[in-house]
Amino acid sequence: MRAIVQRVSSASVVDKSDGSVASIGPGFLLLVGVHREDSEAQAKKLAEKIANLRIFNDENGKMNIALQDMEAHDVLAVSNFTVYGDTRKSRRPSFVESASFDHGRAIFDNFVESLRTYGFRVPTGVFGADMAVTLVNEGPVTLIVDV
């Protein structure tokens, strides 16, 4: 699994087909890709890694505080198969490493549930939908986290 993790002061996602919205205040925006060979174990491992990722500033301005150590526990998780897009061989991305729709949905849902066990509020986009994501990136801090 792979997640693009962005430290945000706010973020939202809108499903373009029905206008449904999910939003958060301070926390993480995650663009999450599921690999075709990922399992529930990778979903749990990625959730644990993100919950303990120390990318919030301490009193000395060093990135040393994890989201689970903060008062706000917001994570907006958005499924995004393009995270596994491969452009090494051409200008048109290949998505052969991305999971199939059903497998990707099952693993993504497991990942979200794993994050919730840490006490986070985790709204999501709509799996497989055409969505518009808006965010205010703090720092800016953006990381790629793989498991």
Protein backbone atom coordinates (compact mmCIF):
# COMPACT_ATOMS: atom_id res chain seq x y z
CA MET A 1 0.00 0.00 0.00
CA ARG A 2 1.02 3.55 -0.56
CA ALA A 3 -0.29 6.82 0.82
CA ILE A 4 0.46 10.40 -0.07
CA VAL A 5 0.25 12.04 3.36
CA GLN A 6 -0.36 15.77 3.53
CA ARG A 7 -0.40 17.71 6.79
CA VAL A 8 -3.37 20.06 6.47
CA SER A 9 -5.20 22.76 8.36
CA SER A 10 -8.32 21.75 6.41
CA ALA A 11 -9.32 19.45 3.55
CA SER A 12 -12.47 18.32 1.79
CA VAL A 13 -13.56 15.99 -0.98
CA VAL A 14 -16.68 16.27 -3.14
CA ASP A 15 -18.20 13.43 -5.15
CA LYS A 16 -18.85 15.09 -8.51
CA SER A 17 -21.82 12.83 -9.33
CA ASP A 18 -23.96 13.57 -6.28
CA GLY A 19 -22.27 16.49 -4.53
CA SER A 20 -21.69 14.61 -1.27
CA VAL A 21 -18.94 16.14 0.82
CA ALA A 22 -16.52 14.91 3.47
CA SER A 23 -14.28 17.39 5.26
CA ILE A 24 -11.83 17.77 8.13
CA GLY A 25 -10.05 20.47 10.08
CA PRO A 26 -6.41 20.06 11.13
CA GLY A 27 -4.93 16.63 10.48
CA PHE A 28 -3.97 14.50 7.49
CA LEU A 29 -5.27 14.27 3.96
CA LEU A 30 -4.39 10.82 2.63
CA LEU A 31 -4.44 9.81 -1.03
CA VAL A 32 -4.34 6.03 -0.69
CA GLY A 33 -3.38 3.52 -3.36
CA VAL A 34 -3.83 -0.22 -3.02
CA HIS A 35 -1.38 -2.51 -4.81
CA ARG A 36 -2.77 -5.57 -6.57
CA GLU A 37 -0.97 -7.86 -4.10
CA ASP A 38 -1.85 -5.96 -0.90
CA SER A 39 -3.58 -7.71 1.98
CA GLU A 40 -5.25 -6.84 5.26
CA ALA A 41 -1.82 -7.04 6.90
CA GLN A 42 -0.51 -4.18 4.73
CA ALA A 43 -3.63 -2.13 5.52
CA LYS A 44 -3.04 -2.50 9.26
CA LYS A 45 0.67 -1.77 8.92
CA LEU A 46 0.04 1.40 6.91
CA ALA A 47 -2.56 2.57 9.44
CA GLU A 48 -0.09 2.01 12.30
CA LYS A 49 2.66 3.86 10.45
CA ILE A 50 0.43 6.85 9.71
CA ALA A 51 -0.99 7.00 13.25
CA ASN A 52 2.56 7.22 14.62
CA LEU A 53 4.08 9.42 11.91
CA ARG A 54 5.71 12.33 13.74
CA ILE A 55 5.26 15.28 11.38
CA PHE A 56 3.68 17.90 13.63
CA ASN A 57 5.92 20.50 15.24
CA ASP A 58 6.80 20.37 18.92
CA GLU A 59 7.48 23.44 21.08
CA ASN A 60 10.97 23.73 19.50
CA GLY A 61 9.64 23.72 15.94
CA LYS A 62 10.90 20.16 15.24
CA MET A 63 8.64 17.62 13.56
CA ASN A 64 8.31 15.36 16.58
CA ILE A 65 4.60 14.93 17.35
CA ALA A 66 2.33 12.22 15.95
CA LEU A 67 -1.31 12.83 15.05
CA GLN A 68 -2.49 10.46 17.76
CA ASP A 69 -0.69 12.64 20.34
CA MET A 70 -2.67 15.73 19.31
CA GLU A 71 -6.08 16.88 20.42
CA ALA A 72 -7.47 16.90 16.86
CA HIS A 73 -7.67 13.45 15.33
CA ASP A 74 -8.92 14.11 11.81
CA VAL A 75 -7.88 12.07 8.81
CA LEU A 76 -9.53 12.46 5.41
CA ALA A 77 -8.85 9.26 3.45
CA VAL A 78 -9.38 9.34 -0.30
CA SER A 79 -8.90 6.22 -2.42
CA ASN A 80 -6.69 6.94 -5.41
CA PHE A 81 -5.56 4.15 -7.75
CA THR A 82 -3.35 6.63 -9.65
CA VAL A 83 -0.91 6.60 -6.71
CA TYR A 84 0.45 3.41 -8.34
CA GLY A 85 0.67 4.99 -11.79
CA ASP A 86 3.96 4.09 -13.48
CA THR A 87 5.44 6.53 -16.02
CA ARG A 88 8.94 5.04 -16.29
CA LYS A 89 8.40 3.62 -19.79
CA SER A 90 6.19 6.27 -21.38
CA ARG A 91 4.31 9.49 -20.86
CA ARG A 92 1.02 7.63 -20.48
CA PRO A 93 0.80 6.07 -17.00
CA SER A 94 0.33 2.35 -16.57
CA PHE A 95 -1.87 1.21 -13.70
CA VAL A 96 -1.17 -2.54 -13.83
CA GLU A 97 0.20 -2.45 -10.26
CA SER A 98 -3.06 -0.99 -8.87
CA ALA A 99 -5.55 -3.36 -7.28
CA SER A 100 -8.76 -4.37 -9.05
CA PHE A 101 -11.85 -2.44 -8.02
CA ASP A 102 -13.25 -5.07 -5.62
CA HIS A 103 -9.90 -5.97 -4.06
CA GLY A 104 -8.93 -2.30 -3.76
CA ARG A 105 -12.20 -1.41 -2.09
CA ALA A 106 -11.92 -4.23 0.46
CA ILE A 107 -8.34 -3.33 1.42
CA PHE A 108 -9.08 0.42 1.50
CA ASP A 109 -12.09 -0.17 3.77
CA ASN A 110 -9.93 -2.31 6.05
CA PHE A 111 -7.31 0.46 6.15
CA VAL A 112 -9.94 3.05 7.16
CA GLU A 113 -11.27 0.78 9.92
CA SER A 114 -7.71 0.21 11.14
CA LEU A 115 -7.17 3.98 11.36
CA ARG A 116 -10.38 4.36 13.35
CA THR A 117 -9.06 1.95 16.00
CA TYR A 118 -6.57 4.69 16.91
CA GLY A 119 -9.45 7.01 17.78
CA PHE A 120 -9.30 9.11 14.62
CA ARG A 121 -12.37 10.51 12.91
CA VAL A 122 -11.87 9.25 9.34
CA PRO A 123 -14.32 10.56 6.75
CA THR A 124 -13.67 9.29 3.23
CA GLY A 125 -14.39 10.08 -0.34
CA VAL A 126 -16.54 7.69 -2.40
CA PHE A 127 -14.51 4.71 -3.57
CA GLY A 128 -14.08 4.76 -7.35
CA ALA A 129 -15.93 8.06 -7.82
CA ASP A 130 -14.81 11.11 -9.77
CA MET A 131 -13.98 13.50 -6.93
CA ALA A 132 -12.65 17.00 -6.35
CA VAL A 133 -10.21 17.39 -3.46
CA THR A 134 -9.46 20.71 -1.79
CA LEU A 135 -6.82 21.23 0.88
CA VAL A 136 -4.74 23.75 2.74
CA ASN A 137 -1.35 22.09 3.11
CA GLU A 138 0.53 23.15 6.25
CA GLY A 139 4.29 23.57 5.95
CA PRO A 140 3.93 22.41 3.26
CA VAL A 141 4.47 18.86 4.50
CA THR A 142 3.84 16.06 2.02
CA LEU A 143 5.25 12.54 2.32
CA ILE A 144 4.98 9.27 0.45
CA VAL A 145 4.50 6.37 2.85
CA ASP A 146 4.89 2.81 1.54
CA VAL A 147 4.48 -0.53 3.27
